[in-house]
Amino acid sequence: GFDAKCEVASYDVVHIVPARTAVRVTNKGARYTPEVRPVIDAARPGHTYIFDDVKVRCPGDKIARTLGPMTFKIK
């Protein structure tokens, strides 16, 4: 093994509120953009967040690679 620092290129955030329509927004880069911040700040118990289509670029990559989705349920 070795330590490789990968850079987040983009990801989609899906915010699921029970009994409502899900909201999907795309973020460029690792830090939340102004479009994504309100979606993250709206987190309440029972809400679910899916970080999907996460793209990262690692040393030696010519194009960004896609990681699997990550799901978080707010308690």
PDB file of N, CA and C in Angstrom:
ATOM      1  N   GLY A   1       0.810  -1.189   0.000  1.00  0.00           N
ATOM      2  CA  GLY A   1       0.000   0.000   0.000  1.00  0.00           C
ATOM      3  C   GLY A   1       0.849   1.246   0.000  1.00  0.00           C
ATOM      4  N   PHE A   2       0.192   2.331  -0.356  1.00  0.00           N
ATOM      5  CA  PHE A   2       0.833   3.642  -0.360  1.00  0.00           C
ATOM      6  C   PHE A   2      -0.240   4.694  -0.155  1.00  0.00           C
ATOM      7  N   ASP A   3       0.190   5.873   0.265  1.00  0.00           N
ATOM      8  CA  ASP A   3      -0.743   6.983   0.455  1.00  0.00           C
ATOM      9  C   ASP A   3      -0.850   7.771  -0.834  1.00  0.00           C
ATOM     10  N   ALA A   4      -2.056   7.859  -1.363  1.00  0.00           N
ATOM     11  CA  ALA A   4      -2.302   8.667  -2.557  1.00  0.00           C
ATOM     12  C   ALA A   4      -3.414   9.642  -2.230  1.00  0.00           C
ATOM     13  N   LYS A   5      -3.190  10.896  -2.477  1.00  0.00           N
ATOM     14  CA  LYS A   5      -4.202  11.920  -2.237  1.00  0.00           C
ATOM     15  C   LYS A   5      -5.007  12.097  -3.513  1.00  0.00           C
ATOM     16  N   CYS A   6      -6.288  11.777  -3.439  1.00  0.00           N
ATOM     17  CA  CYS A   6      -7.187  11.941  -4.571  1.00  0.00           C
ATOM     18  C   CYS A   6      -7.997  13.216  -4.373  1.00  0.00           C
ATOM     19  N   GLU A   7      -8.327  13.876  -5.458  1.00  0.00           N
ATOM     20  CA  GLU A   7      -9.088  15.118  -5.425  1.00  0.00           C
ATOM     21  C   GLU A   7     -10.514  14.852  -5.892  1.00  0.00           C
ATOM     22  N   VAL A   8     -11.492  15.305  -5.103  1.00  0.00           N
ATOM     23  CA  VAL A   8     -12.892  15.145  -5.498  1.00  0.00           C
ATOM     24  C   VAL A   8     -13.185  16.115  -6.631  1.00  0.00           C
ATOM     25  N   ALA A   9     -13.688  15.575  -7.736  1.00  0.00           N
ATOM     26  CA  ALA A   9     -14.018  16.403  -8.899  1.00  0.00           C
ATOM     27  C   ALA A   9     -15.465  16.862  -8.860  1.00  0.00           C
ATOM     28  N   SER A  10     -16.385  15.968  -8.485  1.00  0.00           N
ATOM     29  CA  SER A  10     -17.807  16.321  -8.427  1.00  0.00           C
ATOM     30  C   SER A  10     -18.588  15.190  -7.781  1.00  0.00           C
ATOM     31  N   TYR A  11     -19.840  15.483  -7.434  1.00  0.00           N
ATOM     32  CA  TYR A  11     -20.760  14.469  -6.936  1.00  0.00           C
ATOM     33  C   TYR A  11     -22.168  15.037  -6.955  1.00  0.00           C
ATOM     34  N   ASP A  12     -23.146  14.149  -6.929  1.00  0.00           N
ATOM     35  CA  ASP A  12     -24.546  14.533  -6.822  1.00  0.00           C
ATOM     36  C   ASP A  12     -24.983  14.271  -5.394  1.00  0.00           C
ATOM     37  N   VAL A  13     -25.794  15.172  -4.852  1.00  0.00           N
ATOM     38  CA  VAL A  13     -26.383  14.989  -3.535  1.00  0.00           C
ATOM     39  C   VAL A  13     -27.883  14.800  -3.735  1.00  0.00           C
ATOM     40  N   VAL A  14     -28.414  13.703  -3.222  1.00  0.00           N
ATOM     41  CA  VAL A  14     -29.848  13.450  -3.268  1.00  0.00           C
ATOM     42  C   VAL A  14     -30.359  13.547  -1.837  1.00  0.00           C
ATOM     43  N   HIS A  15     -31.299  14.465  -1.610  1.00  0.00           N
ATOM     44  CA  HIS A  15     -31.874  14.681  -0.283  1.00  0.00           C
ATOM     45  C   HIS A  15     -33.284  14.121  -0.301  1.00  0.00           C
ATOM     46  N   ILE A  16     -33.530  13.123   0.533  1.00  0.00           N
ATOM     47  CA  ILE A  16     -34.836  12.472   0.580  1.00  0.00           C
ATOM     48  C   ILE A  16     -35.511  12.812   1.902  1.00  0.00           C
ATOM     49  N   VAL A  17     -36.655  13.466   1.804  1.00  0.00           N
ATOM     50  CA  VAL A  17     -37.473  13.791   2.964  1.00  0.00           C
ATOM     51  C   VAL A  17     -38.688  12.871   2.915  1.00  0.00           C
ATOM     52  N   PRO A  18     -38.971  12.131   4.004  1.00  0.00           N
ATOM     53  CA  PRO A  18     -40.121  11.224   3.982  1.00  0.00           C
ATOM     54  C   PRO A  18     -41.405  11.944   3.545  1.00  0.00           C
ATOM     55  N   ALA A  19     -42.183  11.283   2.680  1.00  0.00           N
ATOM     56  CA  ALA A  19     -43.467  11.784   2.169  1.00  0.00           C
ATOM     57  C   ALA A  19     -43.322  13.035   1.302  1.00  0.00           C
ATOM     58  N   ARG A  20     -42.151  13.264   0.738  1.00  0.00           N
ATOM     59  CA  ARG A  20     -41.925  14.399  -0.165  1.00  0.00           C
ATOM     60  C   ARG A  20     -41.108  13.941  -1.360  1.00  0.00           C
ATOM     61  N   THR A  21     -40.987  14.810  -2.328  1.00  0.00           N
ATOM     62  CA  THR A  21     -40.178  14.539  -3.507  1.00  0.00           C
ATOM     63  C   THR A  21     -38.701  14.720  -3.168  1.00  0.00           C
ATOM     64  N   ALA A  22     -37.866  13.828  -3.658  1.00  0.00           N
ATOM     65  CA  ALA A  22     -36.423  13.936  -3.440  1.00  0.00           C
ATOM     66  C   ALA A  22     -35.860  15.100  -4.245  1.00  0.00           C
ATOM     67  N   VAL A  23     -34.817  15.720  -3.715  1.00  0.00           N
ATOM     68  CA  VAL A  23     -34.122  16.819  -4.382  1.00  0.00           C
ATOM     69  C   VAL A  23     -32.735  16.325  -4.747  1.00  0.00           C
ATOM     70  N   ARG A  24     -32.320  16.566  -6.004  1.00  0.00           N
ATOM     71  CA  ARG A  24     -30.981  16.158  -6.457  1.00  0.00           C
ATOM     72  C   ARG A  24     -30.246  17.393  -6.967  1.00  0.00           C
ATOM     73  N   VAL A  25     -29.050  17.640  -6.444  1.00  0.00           N
ATOM     74  CA  VAL A  25     -28.213  18.758  -6.896  1.00  0.00           C
ATOM     75  C   VAL A  25     -26.799  18.238  -7.138  1.00  0.00           C
ATOM     76  N   THR A  26     -26.110  18.857  -8.075  1.00  0.00           N
ATOM     77  CA  THR A  26     -24.739  18.461  -8.423  1.00  0.00           C
ATOM     78  C   THR A  26     -23.763  19.453  -7.825  1.00  0.00           C
ATOM     79  N   ASN A  27     -22.679  18.936  -7.264  1.00  0.00           N
ATOM     80  CA  ASN A  27     -21.632  19.755  -6.671  1.00  0.00           C
ATOM     81  C   ASN A  27     -20.340  19.550  -7.448  1.00  0.00           C
ATOM     82  N   LYS A  28     -19.644  20.619  -7.757  1.00  0.00           N
ATOM     83  CA  LYS A  28     -18.329  20.550  -8.396  1.00  0.00           C
ATOM     84  C   LYS A  28     -17.269  20.795  -7.340  1.00  0.00           C
ATOM     85  N   GLY A  29     -16.295  19.906  -7.233  1.00  0.00           N
ATOM     86  CA  GLY A  29     -15.237  20.030  -6.247  1.00  0.00           C
ATOM     87  C   GLY A  29     -15.634  19.384  -4.933  1.00  0.00           C
ATOM     88  N   ALA A  30     -14.740  19.458  -3.950  1.00  0.00           N
ATOM     89  CA  ALA A  30     -14.953  18.790  -2.669  1.00  0.00           C
ATOM     90  C   ALA A  30     -15.841  19.590  -1.718  1.00  0.00           C
ATOM     91  N   ARG A  31     -15.718  20.903  -1.719  1.00  0.00           N
ATOM     92  CA  ARG A  31     -16.481  21.744  -0.785  1.00  0.00           C
ATOM     93  C   ARG A  31     -17.883  22.009  -1.332  1.00  0.00           C
ATOM     94  N   TYR A  32     -18.836  22.137  -0.391  1.00  0.00           N
ATOM     95  CA  TYR A  32     -20.213  22.420  -0.806  1.00  0.00           C
ATOM     96  C   TYR A  32     -20.281  23.769  -1.512  1.00  0.00           C
ATOM     97  N   THR A  33     -20.940  23.785  -2.673  1.00  0.00           N
ATOM     98  CA  THR A  33     -21.152  25.027  -3.413  1.00  0.00           C
ATOM     99  C   THR A  33     -22.365  25.748  -2.829  1.00  0.00           C
ATOM    100  N   PRO A  34     -22.574  27.013  -3.170  1.00  0.00           N
ATOM    101  CA  PRO A  34     -23.749  27.739  -2.672  1.00  0.00           C
ATOM    102  C   PRO A  34     -25.074  27.073  -3.044  1.00  0.00           C
ATOM    103  N   GLU A  35     -25.105  26.311  -4.120  1.00  0.00           N
ATOM    104  CA  GLU A  35     -26.330  25.615  -4.522  1.00  0.00           C
ATOM    105  C   GLU A  35     -26.598  24.395  -3.637  1.00  0.00           C
ATOM    106  N   VAL A  36     -25.547  23.766  -3.144  1.00  0.00           N
ATOM    107  CA  VAL A  36     -25.674  22.549  -2.342  1.00  0.00           C
ATOM    108  C   VAL A  36     -25.819  22.854  -0.852  1.00  0.00           C
ATOM    109  N   ARG A  37     -25.210  23.907  -0.373  1.00  0.00           N
ATOM    110  CA  ARG A  37     -25.206  24.236   1.060  1.00  0.00           C
ATOM    111  C   ARG A  37     -26.616  24.244   1.669  1.00  0.00           C
ATOM    112  N   PRO A  38     -27.631  24.892   1.070  1.00  0.00           N
ATOM    113  CA  PRO A  38     -28.964  24.879   1.692  1.00  0.00           C
ATOM    114  C   PRO A  38     -29.570  23.474   1.793  1.00  0.00           C
ATOM    115  N   VAL A  39     -29.252  22.613   0.857  1.00  0.00           N
ATOM    116  CA  VAL A  39     -29.753  21.235   0.888  1.00  0.00           C
ATOM    117  C   VAL A  39     -29.131  20.496   2.073  1.00  0.00           C
ATOM    118  N   ILE A  40     -27.857  20.694   2.306  1.00  0.00           N
ATOM    119  CA  ILE A  40     -27.166  20.060   3.430  1.00  0.00           C
ATOM    120  C   ILE A  40     -27.663  20.649   4.750  1.00  0.00           C
ATOM    121  N   ASP A  41     -27.832  21.967   4.798  1.00  0.00           N
ATOM    122  CA  ASP A  41     -28.288  22.627   6.026  1.00  0.00           C
ATOM    123  C   ASP A  41     -29.716  22.238   6.402  1.00  0.00           C
ATOM    124  N   ALA A  42     -30.478  21.696   5.465  1.00  0.00           N
ATOM    125  CA  ALA A  42     -31.870  21.298   5.722  1.00  0.00           C
ATOM    126  C   ALA A  42     -31.978  19.944   6.415  1.00  0.00           C
ATOM    127  N   ALA A  43     -30.863  19.314   6.750  1.00  0.00           N
ATOM    128  CA  ALA A  43     -30.871  17.973   7.367  1.00  0.00           C
ATOM    129  C   ALA A  43     -31.637  17.974   8.683  1.00  0.00           C
ATOM    130  N   ARG A  44     -32.533  17.001   8.793  1.00  0.00           N
ATOM    131  CA  ARG A  44     -33.325  16.803  10.010  1.00  0.00           C
ATOM    132  C   ARG A  44     -33.403  15.303  10.276  1.00  0.00           C
ATOM    133  N   PRO A  45     -33.691  14.917  11.520  1.00  0.00           N
ATOM    134  CA  PRO A  45     -33.848  13.490  11.812  1.00  0.00           C
ATOM    135  C   PRO A  45     -34.875  12.846  10.873  1.00  0.00           C
ATOM    136  N   GLY A  46     -34.520  11.673  10.356  1.00  0.00           N
ATOM    137  CA  GLY A  46     -35.395  10.952   9.431  1.00  0.00           C
ATOM    138  C   GLY A  46     -35.099  11.220   7.970  1.00  0.00           C
ATOM    139  N   HIS A  47     -34.346  12.273   7.670  1.00  0.00           N
ATOM    140  CA  HIS A  47     -33.971  12.566   6.291  1.00  0.00           C
ATOM    141  C   HIS A  47     -32.849  11.628   5.866  1.00  0.00           C
ATOM    142  N   THR A  48     -32.769  11.372   4.574  1.00  0.00           N
ATOM    143  CA  THR A  48     -31.707  10.533   4.017  1.00  0.00           C
ATOM    144  C   THR A  48     -30.949  11.331   2.973  1.00  0.00           C
ATOM    145  N   TYR A  49     -29.634  11.195   2.969  1.00  0.00           N
ATOM    146  CA  TYR A  49     -28.777  11.825   1.959  1.00  0.00           C
ATOM    147  C   TYR A  49     -28.010  10.735   1.221  1.00  0.00           C
ATOM    148  N   ILE A  50     -28.021  10.825  -0.085  1.00  0.00           N
ATOM    149  CA  ILE A  50     -27.236   9.918  -0.914  1.00  0.00           C
ATOM    150  C   ILE A  50     -26.238  10.768  -1.692  1.00  0.00           C
ATOM    151  N   PHE A  51     -24.973  10.472  -1.530  1.00  0.00           N
ATOM    152  CA  PHE A  51     -23.926  11.110  -2.334  1.00  0.00           C
ATOM    153  C   PHE A  51     -23.637  10.122  -3.459  1.00  0.00           C
ATOM    154  N   ASP A  52     -24.025  10.490  -4.657  1.00  0.00           N
ATOM    155  CA  ASP A  52     -24.012   9.580  -5.805  1.00  0.00           C
ATOM    156  C   ASP A  52     -23.136  10.143  -6.913  1.00  0.00           C
ATOM    157  N   ASP A  53     -22.710   9.269  -7.793  1.00  0.00           N
ATOM    158  CA  ASP A  53     -21.894   9.672  -8.944  1.00  0.00           C
ATOM    159  C   ASP A  53     -20.673  10.487  -8.495  1.00  0.00           C
ATOM    160  N   VAL A  54     -20.037  10.016  -7.406  1.00  0.00           N
ATOM    161  CA  VAL A  54     -18.864  10.696  -6.852  1.00  0.00           C
ATOM    162  C   VAL A  54     -17.690  10.444  -7.791  1.00  0.00           C
ATOM    163  N   LYS A  55     -17.100  11.522  -8.286  1.00  0.00           N
ATOM    164  CA  LYS A  55     -15.958  11.413  -9.195  1.00  0.00           C
ATOM    165  C   LYS A  55     -14.719  11.969  -8.503  1.00  0.00           C
ATOM    166  N   VAL A  56     -13.632  11.181  -8.535  1.00  0.00           N
ATOM    167  CA  VAL A  56     -12.366  11.607  -7.948  1.00  0.00           C
ATOM    168  C   VAL A  56     -11.252  11.419  -8.966  1.00  0.00           C
ATOM    169  N   ARG A  57     -10.236  12.240  -8.834  1.00  0.00           N
ATOM    170  CA  ARG A  57      -9.053  12.119  -9.683  1.00  0.00           C
ATOM    171  C   ARG A  57      -7.873  11.850  -8.767  1.00  0.00           C
ATOM    172  N   CYS A  58      -7.238  10.706  -9.002  1.00  0.00           N
ATOM    173  CA  CYS A  58      -6.087  10.290  -8.203  1.00  0.00           C
ATOM    174  C   CYS A  58      -4.814  10.474  -9.029  1.00  0.00           C
ATOM    175  N   PRO A  59      -3.654  10.506  -8.366  1.00  0.00           N
ATOM    176  CA  PRO A  59      -2.406  10.664  -9.106  1.00  0.00           C
ATOM    177  C   PRO A  59      -2.300   9.630 -10.231  1.00  0.00           C
ATOM    178  N   GLY A  60      -1.971  10.088 -11.414  1.00  0.00           N
ATOM    179  CA  GLY A  60      -1.820   9.214 -12.565  1.00  0.00           C
ATOM    180  C   GLY A  60      -3.090   9.014 -13.374  1.00  0.00           C
ATOM    181  N   ASP A  61      -4.240   9.449 -12.855  1.00  0.00           N
ATOM    182  CA  ASP A  61      -5.501   9.312 -13.597  1.00  0.00           C
ATOM    183  C   ASP A  61      -5.568  10.326 -14.730  1.00  0.00           C
ATOM    184  N   LYS A  62      -5.928   9.858 -15.917  1.00  0.00           N
ATOM    185  CA  LYS A  62      -6.154  10.765 -17.046  1.00  0.00           C
ATOM    186  C   LYS A  62      -7.549  11.362 -16.969  1.00  0.00           C
ATOM    187  N   ILE A  63      -8.505  10.578 -16.471  1.00  0.00           N
ATOM    188  CA  ILE A  63      -9.871  11.065 -16.262  1.00  0.00           C
ATOM    189  C   ILE A  63     -10.317  10.681 -14.857  1.00  0.00           C
ATOM    190  N   ALA A  64     -11.323  11.380 -14.360  1.00  0.00           N
ATOM    191  CA  ALA A  64     -11.824  11.097 -13.020  1.00  0.00           C
ATOM    192  C   ALA A  64     -12.493   9.726 -12.992  1.00  0.00           C
ATOM    193  N   ARG A  65     -12.316   9.026 -11.888  1.00  0.00           N
ATOM    194  CA  ARG A  65     -12.967   7.722 -11.715  1.00  0.00           C
ATOM    195  C   ARG A  65     -14.212   7.904 -10.850  1.00  0.00           C
ATOM    196  N   THR A  66     -15.190   7.036 -11.043  1.00  0.00           N
ATOM    197  CA  THR A  66     -16.450   7.114 -10.302  1.00  0.00           C
ATOM    198  C   THR A  66     -16.429   6.117  -9.148  1.00  0.00           C
ATOM    199  N   LEU A  67     -16.785   6.600  -7.963  1.00  0.00           N
ATOM    200  CA  LEU A  67     -16.898   5.742  -6.782  1.00  0.00           C
ATOM    201  C   LEU A  67     -18.355   5.344  -6.596  1.00  0.00           C
ATOM    202  N   GLY A  68     -18.578   4.362  -5.771  1.00  0.00           N
ATOM    203  CA  GLY A  68     -19.945   3.934  -5.464  1.00  0.00           C
ATOM    204  C   GLY A  68     -20.654   4.976  -4.604  1.00  0.00           C
ATOM    205  N   PRO A  69     -21.988   4.862  -4.518  1.00  0.00           N
ATOM    206  CA  PRO A  69     -22.762   5.823  -3.727  1.00  0.00           C
ATOM    207  C   PRO A  69     -22.532   5.632  -2.229  1.00  0.00           C
ATOM    208  N   MET A  70     -22.727   6.710  -1.474  1.00  0.00           N
ATOM    209  CA  MET A  70     -22.674   6.689  -0.010  1.00  0.00           C
ATOM    210  C   MET A  70     -24.013   7.201   0.495  1.00  0.00           C
ATOM    211  N   THR A  71     -24.618   6.473   1.419  1.00  0.00           N
ATOM    212  CA  THR A  71     -25.924   6.850   1.941  1.00  0.00           C
ATOM    213  C   THR A  71     -25.814   7.143   3.437  1.00  0.00           C
ATOM    214  N   PHE A  72     -26.472   8.250   3.854  1.00  0.00           N
ATOM    215  CA  PHE A  72     -26.478   8.656   5.255  1.00  0.00           C
ATOM    216  C   PHE A  72     -27.913   8.924   5.684  1.00  0.00           C
ATOM    217  N   LYS A  73     -28.346   8.290   6.769  1.00  0.00           N
ATOM    218  CA  LYS A  73     -29.664   8.563   7.339  1.00  0.00           C
ATOM    219  C   LYS A  73     -29.447   9.377   8.603  1.00  0.00           C
ATOM    220  N   ILE A  74     -30.087  10.539   8.668  1.00  0.00           N
ATOM    221  CA  ILE A  74     -29.922  11.455   9.799  1.00  0.00           C
ATOM    222  C   ILE A  74     -30.756  10.953  10.973  1.00  0.00           C
ATOM    223  N   LYS A  75     -30.122  10.812  12.117  1.00  0.00           N
ATOM    224  CA  LYS A  75     -30.828  10.339  13.327  1.00  0.00           C
ATOM    225  C   LYS A  75     -31.138  11.474  14.255  1.00  0.00           C
TER     226      LYS A  75
END
